[in-house]
Amino acid sequence: MSETNFADFEPRTDGDRTVMHVLYGLHTLAWFSGGVFAIIALIINYIRRADETDPLYVSHHNYMISTFWWTMLWLVVTSPLWLLFFFPGAIAYFIIWLWYLYRCVLGWMRFNSQRLPVLNSAV
């Protein structure tokens, strides 16, 4: 029977938590920057996830990454609505924005309480 060597695991620091809060903040404010904040946060999510060992942090990185890509999918799928008239496209994008904001706030609150994100609610 093998024993777990807890010295191999790096303890979480306040800096690690701060980075996660900043990433959630960037994702939450992405719509007000035309998506630039989301792309910056996505790149950092991929970089930080690769070096992460804590399952809580990995799951939250995965949650933010999947939220971003699902949002991009829905934006592409609903983009032909803009060709019909302004109103259907605007309604679709507003609903997508609300869903994205909901996912960001929900994930952020769950991270703040040290809980795993709700991974099965991607769609």
C-alpha atoms as a PDB file:
ATOM      1  CA  MET A   1       0.000   0.000   0.000  1.00  0.00           C
ATOM      2  CA  SER A   2       1.492   3.315  -1.043  1.00  0.00           C
ATOM      3  CA  GLU A   3       1.389   6.386   1.129  1.00  0.00           C
ATOM      4  CA  THR A   4       0.646   9.855  -0.109  1.00  0.00           C
ATOM      5  CA  ASN A   5       3.553  12.206   0.258  1.00  0.00           C
ATOM      6  CA  PHE A   6       1.909  15.477   1.184  1.00  0.00           C
ATOM      7  CA  ALA A   7       5.198  17.309   0.721  1.00  0.00           C
ATOM      8  CA  ASP A   8       4.711  16.869  -3.052  1.00  0.00           C
ATOM      9  CA  PHE A   9       1.634  19.083  -2.981  1.00  0.00           C
ATOM     10  CA  GLU A  10       2.106  22.810  -2.867  1.00  0.00           C
ATOM     11  CA  PRO A  11      -0.189  24.524  -0.403  1.00  0.00           C
ATOM     12  CA  ARG A  12      -2.614  27.086  -1.819  1.00  0.00           C
ATOM     13  CA  THR A  13      -1.536  30.642  -1.221  1.00  0.00           C
ATOM     14  CA  ASP A  14      -3.528  33.843  -1.096  1.00  0.00           C
ATOM     15  CA  GLY A  15      -1.979  34.672  -4.470  1.00  0.00           C
ATOM     16  CA  ASP A  16      -3.547  31.571  -6.044  1.00  0.00           C
ATOM     17  CA  ARG A  17      -6.965  32.538  -4.723  1.00  0.00           C
ATOM     18  CA  THR A  18      -6.475  36.097  -5.931  1.00  0.00           C
ATOM     19  CA  VAL A  19      -5.647  34.883  -9.446  1.00  0.00           C
ATOM     20  CA  MET A  20      -8.864  32.865  -9.526  1.00  0.00           C
ATOM     21  CA  HIS A  21     -10.875  35.861  -8.340  1.00  0.00           C
ATOM     22  CA  VAL A  22      -9.260  38.047 -11.012  1.00  0.00           C
ATOM     23  CA  LEU A  23     -10.035  35.431 -13.681  1.00  0.00           C
ATOM     24  CA  TYR A  24     -13.670  35.264 -12.624  1.00  0.00           C
ATOM     25  CA  GLY A  25     -13.763  39.061 -12.617  1.00  0.00           C
ATOM     26  CA  LEU A  26     -12.323  39.234 -16.125  1.00  0.00           C
ATOM     27  CA  HIS A  27     -14.835  36.698 -17.402  1.00  0.00           C
ATOM     28  CA  THR A  28     -17.686  38.550 -15.696  1.00  0.00           C
ATOM     29  CA  LEU A  29     -16.699  41.912 -17.202  1.00  0.00           C
ATOM     30  CA  ALA A  30     -15.895  40.473 -20.638  1.00  0.00           C
ATOM     31  CA  TRP A  31     -19.008  41.833 -22.342  1.00  0.00           C
ATOM     32  CA  PHE A  32     -18.084  45.378 -21.383  1.00  0.00           C
ATOM     33  CA  SER A  33     -14.694  45.015 -23.077  1.00  0.00           C
ATOM     34  CA  GLY A  34     -15.955  43.497 -26.304  1.00  0.00           C
ATOM     35  CA  GLY A  35     -14.672  40.074 -25.229  1.00  0.00           C
ATOM     36  CA  VAL A  36     -11.037  41.115 -24.761  1.00  0.00           C
ATOM     37  CA  PHE A  37     -11.112  40.365 -21.022  1.00  0.00           C
ATOM     38  CA  ALA A  38     -12.544  36.910 -21.698  1.00  0.00           C
ATOM     39  CA  ILE A  39      -9.774  36.051 -24.163  1.00  0.00           C
ATOM     40  CA  ILE A  40      -7.097  37.218 -21.701  1.00  0.00           C
ATOM     41  CA  ALA A  41      -8.741  35.189 -18.919  1.00  0.00           C
ATOM     42  CA  LEU A  42      -9.098  32.144 -21.194  1.00  0.00           C
ATOM     43  CA  ILE A  43      -5.372  32.152 -22.008  1.00  0.00           C
ATOM     44  CA  ILE A  44      -4.515  32.420 -18.319  1.00  0.00           C
ATOM     45  CA  ASN A  45      -7.026  29.643 -17.533  1.00  0.00           C
ATOM     46  CA  TYR A  46      -5.281  27.290 -19.958  1.00  0.00           C
ATOM     47  CA  ILE A  47      -1.813  28.185 -18.632  1.00  0.00           C
ATOM     48  CA  ARG A  48      -2.725  27.891 -14.957  1.00  0.00           C
ATOM     49  CA  ARG A  49      -4.766  24.697 -15.412  1.00  0.00           C
ATOM     50  CA  ALA A  50      -1.764  22.902 -16.915  1.00  0.00           C
ATOM     51  CA  ASP A  51       0.245  23.351 -13.700  1.00  0.00           C
ATOM     52  CA  GLU A  52      -2.592  22.854 -11.238  1.00  0.00           C
ATOM     53  CA  THR A  53      -2.775  19.902  -8.836  1.00  0.00           C
ATOM     54  CA  ASP A  54      -5.684  20.957  -6.624  1.00  0.00           C
ATOM     55  CA  PRO A  55      -8.955  19.440  -7.947  1.00  0.00           C
ATOM     56  CA  LEU A  56     -10.942  22.485  -6.810  1.00  0.00           C
ATOM     57  CA  TYR A  57      -8.824  24.849  -8.883  1.00  0.00           C
ATOM     58  CA  VAL A  58      -8.700  22.523 -11.891  1.00  0.00           C
ATOM     59  CA  SER A  59     -12.480  22.179 -11.892  1.00  0.00           C
ATOM     60  CA  HIS A  60     -12.976  25.942 -11.742  1.00  0.00           C
ATOM     61  CA  HIS A  61     -10.513  26.468 -14.607  1.00  0.00           C
ATOM     62  CA  ASN A  62     -12.428  23.842 -16.609  1.00  0.00           C
ATOM     63  CA  TYR A  63     -15.701  25.541 -15.711  1.00  0.00           C
ATOM     64  CA  MET A  64     -14.523  28.938 -16.969  1.00  0.00           C
ATOM     65  CA  ILE A  65     -13.058  27.428 -20.129  1.00  0.00           C
ATOM     66  CA  SER A  66     -16.222  25.492 -20.952  1.00  0.00           C
ATOM     67  CA  THR A  67     -18.388  28.549 -20.228  1.00  0.00           C
ATOM     68  CA  PHE A  68     -16.334  30.573 -22.700  1.00  0.00           C
ATOM     69  CA  TRP A  69     -16.486  27.972 -25.477  1.00  0.00           C
ATOM     70  CA  TRP A  70     -20.204  27.279 -25.026  1.00  0.00           C
ATOM     71  CA  THR A  71     -20.823  31.003 -25.233  1.00  0.00           C
ATOM     72  CA  MET A  72     -18.803  31.254 -28.432  1.00  0.00           C
ATOM     73  CA  LEU A  73     -20.758  28.357 -29.916  1.00  0.00           C
ATOM     74  CA  TRP A  74     -24.098  29.988 -29.120  1.00  0.00           C
ATOM     75  CA  LEU A  75     -22.934  33.349 -30.475  1.00  0.00           C
ATOM     76  CA  VAL A  76     -21.966  31.709 -33.772  1.00  0.00           C
ATOM     77  CA  VAL A  77     -25.167  29.658 -33.962  1.00  0.00           C
ATOM     78  CA  THR A  78     -27.394  32.676 -33.336  1.00  0.00           C
ATOM     79  CA  SER A  79     -25.443  35.128 -35.510  1.00  0.00           C
ATOM     80  CA  PRO A  80     -27.679  34.502 -38.599  1.00  0.00           C
ATOM     81  CA  LEU A  81     -30.533  36.057 -36.617  1.00  0.00           C
ATOM     82  CA  TRP A  82     -28.847  39.423 -37.174  1.00  0.00           C
ATOM     83  CA  LEU A  83     -29.480  39.000 -40.906  1.00  0.00           C
ATOM     84  CA  LEU A  84     -33.241  38.845 -40.399  1.00  0.00           C
ATOM     85  CA  PHE A  85     -33.645  42.034 -38.428  1.00  0.00           C
ATOM     86  CA  PHE A  86     -31.920  43.752 -35.569  1.00  0.00           C
ATOM     87  CA  PHE A  87     -34.411  42.625 -32.924  1.00  0.00           C
ATOM     88  CA  PRO A  88     -34.035  38.791 -33.076  1.00  0.00           C
ATOM     89  CA  GLY A  89     -30.241  39.019 -33.020  1.00  0.00           C
ATOM     90  CA  ALA A  90     -30.281  41.465 -30.140  1.00  0.00           C
ATOM     91  CA  ILE A  91     -32.678  39.259 -28.151  1.00  0.00           C
ATOM     92  CA  ALA A  92     -30.509  36.171 -28.735  1.00  0.00           C
ATOM     93  CA  TYR A  93     -27.309  37.959 -27.752  1.00  0.00           C
ATOM     94  CA  PHE A  94     -28.970  39.396 -24.651  1.00  0.00           C
ATOM     95  CA  ILE A  95     -30.089  35.915 -23.552  1.00  0.00           C
ATOM     96  CA  ILE A  96     -26.574  34.571 -24.165  1.00  0.00           C
ATOM     97  CA  TRP A  97     -25.126  37.468 -22.171  1.00  0.00           C
ATOM     98  CA  LEU A  98     -27.459  36.712 -19.253  1.00  0.00           C
ATOM     99  CA  TRP A  99     -26.523  33.030 -19.349  1.00  0.00           C
ATOM    100  CA  TYR A 100     -22.793  33.899 -19.423  1.00  0.00           C
ATOM    101  CA  LEU A 101     -23.192  36.343 -16.545  1.00  0.00           C
ATOM    102  CA  TYR A 102     -25.166  33.746 -14.570  1.00  0.00           C
ATOM    103  CA  ARG A 103     -22.445  31.123 -15.099  1.00  0.00           C
ATOM    104  CA  CYS A 104     -19.677  33.525 -14.085  1.00  0.00           C
ATOM    105  CA  VAL A 105     -21.435  34.708 -10.924  1.00  0.00           C
ATOM    106  CA  LEU A 106     -22.478  31.179  -9.948  1.00  0.00           C
ATOM    107  CA  GLY A 107     -18.960  29.816 -10.422  1.00  0.00           C
ATOM    108  CA  TRP A 108     -17.418  32.752  -8.589  1.00  0.00           C
ATOM    109  CA  MET A 109     -19.732  32.319  -5.606  1.00  0.00           C
ATOM    110  CA  ARG A 110     -19.060  28.573  -5.489  1.00  0.00           C
ATOM    111  CA  PHE A 111     -15.299  29.168  -5.670  1.00  0.00           C
ATOM    112  CA  ASN A 112     -15.524  31.734  -2.894  1.00  0.00           C
ATOM    113  CA  SER A 113     -17.206  29.128  -0.675  1.00  0.00           C
ATOM    114  CA  GLN A 114     -14.606  26.485  -1.658  1.00  0.00           C
ATOM    115  CA  ARG A 115     -17.134  24.335  -3.533  1.00  0.00           C
ATOM    116  CA  LEU A 116     -16.853  22.659  -6.910  1.00  0.00           C
ATOM    117  CA  PRO A 117     -18.645  24.363  -9.773  1.00  0.00           C
ATOM    118  CA  VAL A 118     -21.807  22.842 -11.166  1.00  0.00           C
ATOM    119  CA  LEU A 119     -20.194  21.115 -14.138  1.00  0.00           C
ATOM    120  CA  ASN A 120     -23.320  19.531 -15.606  1.00  0.00           C
ATOM    121  CA  SER A 121     -25.045  22.837 -16.299  1.00  0.00           C
ATOM    122  CA  ALA A 122     -23.034  23.779 -19.388  1.00  0.00           C
ATOM    123  CA  VAL A 123     -26.060  23.962 -21.653  1.00  0.00           C
END
